[in-house]
Amino acid sequence: MSHFYGKLQGSRGEATRCGTASSGMTTYAAGWGGAVRVEVYTQADGRDAFMVSLVPWQGSGGESVALATGLLDSTGERMTTYAAVVV
C-alpha cells in the first residue's frame, strides 16, 4: 500500500508515482545548470520526513547542498531547518 504519493506535470501530461514507508520516494526537477532533489522517507521513530537539496545534474558539476529538512507534517511539529544559500 502507498505511504507516499508523487505527481508531476510536464509537456507529456501528468504522471504519478507511489512509495512505501520502507522505500520512501525521491524526485528531481532539473535544468541545464543543476537540479532540485526532494526526498520523503519514514524515520526510525516512525515519523515522515523530507529533505530538499540542490544537486549537480548530468555533468553540470558542483556539489550537493541541503536546502531544507524537516518533518512531513503540515499540521503539527515542524522541526524544519533551512540552509543559508547565497544567490
C-alpha atoms as a PDB file:
ATOM      1  CA  MET A   1       0.000   0.000   0.000  1.00  0.00           C
ATOM      2  CA  SER A   2       1.256   3.505  -0.818  1.00  0.00           C
ATOM      3  CA  HIS A   3       2.567   5.611   2.006  1.00  0.00           C
ATOM      4  CA  PHE A   4       3.899   8.444  -0.196  1.00  0.00           C
ATOM      5  CA  TYR A   5       2.388   9.831  -3.372  1.00  0.00           C
ATOM      6  CA  GLY A   6       4.050  11.988  -6.028  1.00  0.00           C
ATOM      7  CA  LYS A   7       2.681  13.871  -9.012  1.00  0.00           C
ATOM      8  CA  LEU A   8       4.364  15.859 -11.781  1.00  0.00           C
ATOM      9  CA  GLN A   9       3.176  17.809 -14.793  1.00  0.00           C
ATOM     10  CA  GLY A  10       5.175  18.389 -17.968  1.00  0.00           C
ATOM     11  CA  SER A  11       4.820  18.618 -21.726  1.00  0.00           C
ATOM     12  CA  ARG A  12       3.656  14.982 -21.908  1.00  0.00           C
ATOM     13  CA  GLY A  13       0.908  15.407 -19.346  1.00  0.00           C
ATOM     14  CA  GLU A  14       0.680  14.287 -15.766  1.00  0.00           C
ATOM     15  CA  ALA A  15       2.405  11.286 -14.166  1.00  0.00           C
ATOM     16  CA  THR A  16       2.093   9.873 -10.663  1.00  0.00           C
ATOM     17  CA  ARG A  17       4.236   7.558  -8.572  1.00  0.00           C
ATOM     18  CA  CYS A  18       3.861   5.875  -5.194  1.00  0.00           C
ATOM     19  CA  GLY A  19       6.318   4.926  -2.457  1.00  0.00           C
ATOM     20  CA  THR A  20       6.067   2.803   0.641  1.00  0.00           C
ATOM     21  CA  ALA A  21       7.241   3.624   4.149  1.00  0.00           C
ATOM     22  CA  SER A  22      10.276   1.401   3.589  1.00  0.00           C
ATOM     23  CA  SER A  23      11.135   2.615   0.059  1.00  0.00           C
ATOM     24  CA  GLY A  24      10.450   6.318   0.530  1.00  0.00           C
ATOM     25  CA  MET A  25      10.320   8.466  -2.598  1.00  0.00           C
ATOM     26  CA  THR A  26      12.834  10.658  -4.431  1.00  0.00           C
ATOM     27  CA  THR A  27      12.101  13.070  -7.249  1.00  0.00           C
ATOM     28  CA  TYR A  28      14.176  15.513  -9.315  1.00  0.00           C
ATOM     29  CA  ALA A  29      13.311  18.718 -11.171  1.00  0.00           C
ATOM     30  CA  ALA A  30      16.277  19.667 -13.366  1.00  0.00           C
ATOM     31  CA  GLY A  31      17.551  22.293 -15.769  1.00  0.00           C
ATOM     32  CA  TRP A  32      20.833  22.776 -17.622  1.00  0.00           C
ATOM     33  CA  GLY A  33      22.731  24.008 -14.560  1.00  0.00           C
ATOM     34  CA  GLY A  34      21.564  21.625 -11.862  1.00  0.00           C
ATOM     35  CA  ALA A  35      18.582  20.025 -10.167  1.00  0.00           C
ATOM     36  CA  VAL A  36      16.461  20.125  -7.060  1.00  0.00           C
ATOM     37  CA  ARG A  37      16.038  16.746  -5.365  1.00  0.00           C
ATOM     38  CA  VAL A  38      13.158  16.139  -2.961  1.00  0.00           C
ATOM     39  CA  GLU A  39      13.256  13.045  -0.766  1.00  0.00           C
ATOM     40  CA  VAL A  40      10.455  11.870   1.533  1.00  0.00           C
ATOM     41  CA  TYR A  41      11.016   8.968   3.901  1.00  0.00           C
ATOM     42  CA  THR A  42       9.963   7.425   7.194  1.00  0.00           C
ATOM     43  CA  GLN A  43      12.431   7.926  10.042  1.00  0.00           C
ATOM     44  CA  ALA A  44      13.348   5.190  12.530  1.00  0.00           C
ATOM     45  CA  ASP A  45      10.895   6.745  15.034  1.00  0.00           C
ATOM     46  CA  GLY A  46       8.033   6.319  12.519  1.00  0.00           C
ATOM     47  CA  ARG A  47       7.653   9.999  11.629  1.00  0.00           C
ATOM     48  CA  ASP A  48       7.657  11.045   7.978  1.00  0.00           C
ATOM     49  CA  ALA A  49      10.383  13.497   6.993  1.00  0.00           C
ATOM     50  CA  PHE A  50      11.698  15.350   3.950  1.00  0.00           C
ATOM     51  CA  MET A  51      14.949  16.717   2.561  1.00  0.00           C
ATOM     52  CA  VAL A  52      15.259  19.233  -0.283  1.00  0.00           C
ATOM     53  CA  SER A  53      18.692  19.549  -1.934  1.00  0.00           C
ATOM     54  CA  LEU A  54      20.308  21.411  -4.819  1.00  0.00           C
ATOM     55  CA  VAL A  55      22.337  18.788  -6.720  1.00  0.00           C
ATOM     56  CA  PRO A  56      24.530  18.534  -9.839  1.00  0.00           C
ATOM     57  CA  TRP A  57      22.749  17.238 -12.931  1.00  0.00           C
ATOM     58  CA  GLN A  58      24.120  15.413 -15.978  1.00  0.00           C
ATOM     59  CA  GLY A  59      27.669  16.713 -15.673  1.00  0.00           C
ATOM     60  CA  SER A  60      26.764  20.238 -14.527  1.00  0.00           C
ATOM     61  CA  GLY A  61      29.413  19.984 -11.810  1.00  0.00           C
ATOM     62  CA  GLY A  62      29.301  21.479  -8.350  1.00  0.00           C
ATOM     63  CA  GLU A  63      28.375  19.965  -5.021  1.00  0.00           C
ATOM     64  CA  SER A  64      25.119  18.904  -3.424  1.00  0.00           C
ATOM     65  CA  VAL A  65      23.695  21.404  -0.931  1.00  0.00           C
ATOM     66  CA  ALA A  66      20.914  20.562   1.531  1.00  0.00           C
ATOM     67  CA  LEU A  67      18.369  23.400   1.316  1.00  0.00           C
ATOM     68  CA  ALA A  68      15.785  22.247   3.861  1.00  0.00           C
ATOM     69  CA  THR A  69      14.977  19.279   6.088  1.00  0.00           C
ATOM     70  CA  GLY A  70      12.084  18.620   8.400  1.00  0.00           C
ATOM     71  CA  LEU A  71       9.028  16.616   9.286  1.00  0.00           C
ATOM     72  CA  LEU A  72       6.399  15.976   6.652  1.00  0.00           C
ATOM     73  CA  ASP A  73       3.553  17.259   8.833  1.00  0.00           C
ATOM     74  CA  SER A  74       1.659  20.374   7.803  1.00  0.00           C
ATOM     75  CA  THR A  75      -0.491  20.389  10.958  1.00  0.00           C
ATOM     76  CA  GLY A  76       1.929  19.617  13.784  1.00  0.00           C
ATOM     77  CA  GLU A  77       5.510  19.917  14.927  1.00  0.00           C
ATOM     78  CA  ARG A  78       7.637  21.489  12.187  1.00  0.00           C
ATOM     79  CA  MET A  79      11.299  20.970  13.177  1.00  0.00           C
ATOM     80  CA  THR A  80      12.351  22.355   9.816  1.00  0.00           C
ATOM     81  CA  THR A  81      15.855  23.660   9.123  1.00  0.00           C
ATOM     82  CA  TYR A  82      16.895  25.766   6.169  1.00  0.00           C
ATOM     83  CA  ALA A  83      20.334  26.247   4.680  1.00  0.00           C
ATOM     84  CA  ALA A  84      21.775  29.704   4.137  1.00  0.00           C
ATOM     85  CA  VAL A  85      22.182  29.907   0.366  1.00  0.00           C
ATOM     86  CA  VAL A  86      23.946  32.833  -1.291  1.00  0.00           C
ATOM     87  CA  VAL A  87      22.372  33.767  -4.604  1.00  0.00           C
END
